[in-house]
Amino acid sequence: MGRLIVLAVIISLGGCTTFRPIEGTPIELQRRINSGGLLEAGDRVLIVTTDGKIHKFRVRGVSAGIIEGKADSAPADQVVSLKRREFSGGKTLLLVGAGALFTGLIIYGVAQAGSAAALAATP
């Protein structure tokens, strides 16, 4: 039973992040990206560029005005909007609560089935 609870917690932690918009005009975002103060290697981003393309990747680095990922990249001077994946306390609380409720319902159902079986077995 303990393993089931641990598994539920691990699964629910995967949904504890969300893409949050970084506030600012496109010019402000571009300036902050180029200065190196906005994005770091490892950040997961969703970028919309001036041509309307959506780029979603994990940042490997920012150099020469290019935001680089493993298979995708985006020119910093064409960024229109930027969202970065961040921890979400509300989602975490909701998922952990739902996991605990689900686990409780399973335990209750097993207990009820066991007592029904015991009653049926008595002469």
Protein backbone atom coordinates (compact mmCIF):
# COMPACT_ATOMS: atom_id res chain seq x y z
CA MET A 1 0.00 0.00 0.00
CA GLY A 2 2.88 2.34 0.82
CA ARG A 3 4.28 1.85 -2.66
CA LEU A 4 0.95 2.90 -4.16
CA ILE A 5 1.01 6.14 -2.17
CA VAL A 6 4.61 6.88 -3.18
CA LEU A 7 3.76 6.20 -6.82
CA ALA A 8 0.74 8.53 -6.65
CA VAL A 9 2.86 11.32 -5.16
CA ILE A 10 5.57 10.93 -7.82
CA ILE A 11 3.00 11.00 -10.63
CA SER A 12 1.28 14.06 -9.21
CA LEU A 13 4.56 15.96 -8.91
CA GLY A 14 4.91 15.82 -12.69
CA GLY A 15 1.95 18.17 -13.07
CA CYS A 16 3.15 20.75 -10.58
CA THR A 17 4.46 23.18 -13.16
CA THR A 18 2.80 25.56 -15.56
CA PHE A 19 3.89 27.97 -18.29
CA ARG A 20 3.68 31.48 -16.88
CA PRO A 21 3.94 34.56 -19.09
CA ILE A 22 6.90 36.87 -18.60
CA GLU A 23 5.57 40.42 -18.48
CA GLY A 24 6.93 43.12 -20.77
CA THR A 25 6.74 44.53 -24.25
CA PRO A 26 8.52 42.66 -27.01
CA ILE A 27 11.35 45.22 -26.91
CA GLU A 28 11.74 44.82 -23.13
CA LEU A 29 11.76 41.03 -23.43
CA GLN A 30 14.34 41.12 -26.20
CA ARG A 31 16.58 43.45 -24.20
CA ARG A 32 16.32 41.28 -21.06
CA ILE A 33 17.06 38.10 -23.02
CA ASN A 34 20.12 39.63 -24.70
CA SER A 35 21.44 40.97 -21.39
CA GLY A 36 21.45 37.42 -20.04
CA GLY A 37 19.22 38.22 -17.09
CA LEU A 38 16.02 36.49 -18.16
CA LEU A 39 16.76 32.97 -19.38
CA GLU A 40 19.13 30.32 -18.08
CA ALA A 41 20.19 26.94 -19.40
CA GLY A 42 17.58 24.38 -18.38
CA ASP A 43 14.60 26.74 -18.49
CA ARG A 44 11.63 25.34 -20.38
CA VAL A 45 10.11 28.06 -22.54
CA LEU A 46 7.28 28.72 -24.95
CA ILE A 47 8.22 31.55 -27.31
CA VAL A 48 6.13 33.28 -29.97
CA THR A 49 8.17 35.13 -32.61
CA THR A 50 7.22 37.96 -34.96
CA ASP A 51 6.43 35.50 -37.77
CA GLY A 52 3.78 33.87 -35.54
CA LYS A 53 5.73 30.64 -34.98
CA ILE A 54 5.57 28.96 -31.59
CA HIS A 55 8.81 27.54 -30.23
CA LYS A 56 8.63 25.22 -27.24
CA PHE A 57 11.89 23.82 -25.91
CA ARG A 58 14.39 23.59 -23.06
CA VAL A 59 16.99 26.36 -23.23
CA ARG A 60 20.55 25.16 -23.74
CA GLY A 61 21.94 28.67 -23.82
CA VAL A 62 21.65 32.18 -25.19
CA SER A 63 24.47 33.36 -27.41
CA ALA A 64 24.86 35.82 -30.26
CA GLY A 65 21.21 36.83 -29.90
CA ILE A 66 19.91 33.28 -30.39
CA ILE A 67 17.95 31.33 -27.77
CA GLU A 68 19.19 27.80 -28.36
CA GLY A 69 17.49 24.50 -27.59
CA LYS A 70 18.37 20.94 -28.54
CA ALA A 71 16.32 20.78 -31.76
CA ASP A 72 14.94 24.32 -32.02
CA SER A 73 16.08 27.88 -31.56
CA ALA A 74 14.62 31.37 -31.75
CA PRO A 75 16.23 34.74 -32.49
CA ALA A 76 15.99 36.94 -29.40
CA ASP A 77 15.29 40.03 -31.53
CA GLN A 78 12.10 38.40 -32.90
CA VAL A 79 10.51 37.43 -29.57
CA VAL A 80 6.96 38.77 -29.20
CA SER A 81 5.92 36.82 -26.11
CA LEU A 82 7.64 34.49 -23.72
CA LYS A 83 6.34 31.96 -21.21
CA ARG A 84 8.58 30.06 -18.82
CA ARG A 85 7.65 26.85 -17.03
CA GLU A 86 7.52 27.44 -13.29
CA PHE A 87 6.40 25.63 -10.16
CA SER A 88 2.67 25.97 -9.40
CA GLY A 89 1.68 25.62 -5.76
CA GLY A 90 -2.05 25.49 -6.56
CA LYS A 91 -1.67 22.62 -8.99
CA THR A 92 0.54 20.78 -6.53
CA LEU A 93 -2.02 21.11 -3.76
CA LEU A 94 -4.85 20.02 -6.06
CA LEU A 95 -2.99 16.99 -7.39
CA VAL A 96 -1.77 15.81 -3.99
CA GLY A 97 -5.27 16.26 -2.55
CA ALA A 98 -6.84 14.36 -5.44
CA GLY A 99 -4.25 11.60 -5.06
CA ALA A 100 -4.94 11.30 -1.32
CA LEU A 101 -8.70 11.20 -1.96
CA PHE A 102 -8.29 8.55 -4.65
CA THR A 103 -6.08 6.45 -2.37
CA GLY A 104 -8.59 6.80 0.45
CA LEU A 105 -11.43 5.67 -1.81
CA ILE A 106 -9.45 2.61 -2.88
CA ILE A 107 -8.70 1.69 0.74
CA TYR A 108 -12.36 2.18 1.67
CA GLY A 109 -13.54 0.03 -1.25
CA VAL A 110 -11.12 -2.76 -0.38
CA ALA A 111 -12.21 -2.66 3.26
CA GLN A 112 -15.90 -2.80 2.28
CA ALA A 113 -15.30 -5.70 -0.10
CA GLY A 114 -13.41 -7.58 2.61
CA SER A 115 -16.15 -7.13 5.20
CA ALA A 116 -18.84 -8.15 2.67
CA ALA A 117 -16.88 -11.29 1.86
CA ALA A 118 -16.52 -12.09 5.58
CA LEU A 119 -20.27 -11.72 6.12
CA ALA A 120 -21.06 -13.95 3.16
CA ALA A 121 -18.71 -16.67 4.47
CA THR A 122 -20.36 -16.92 7.93
CA PRO A 123 -22.94 -19.71 8.29
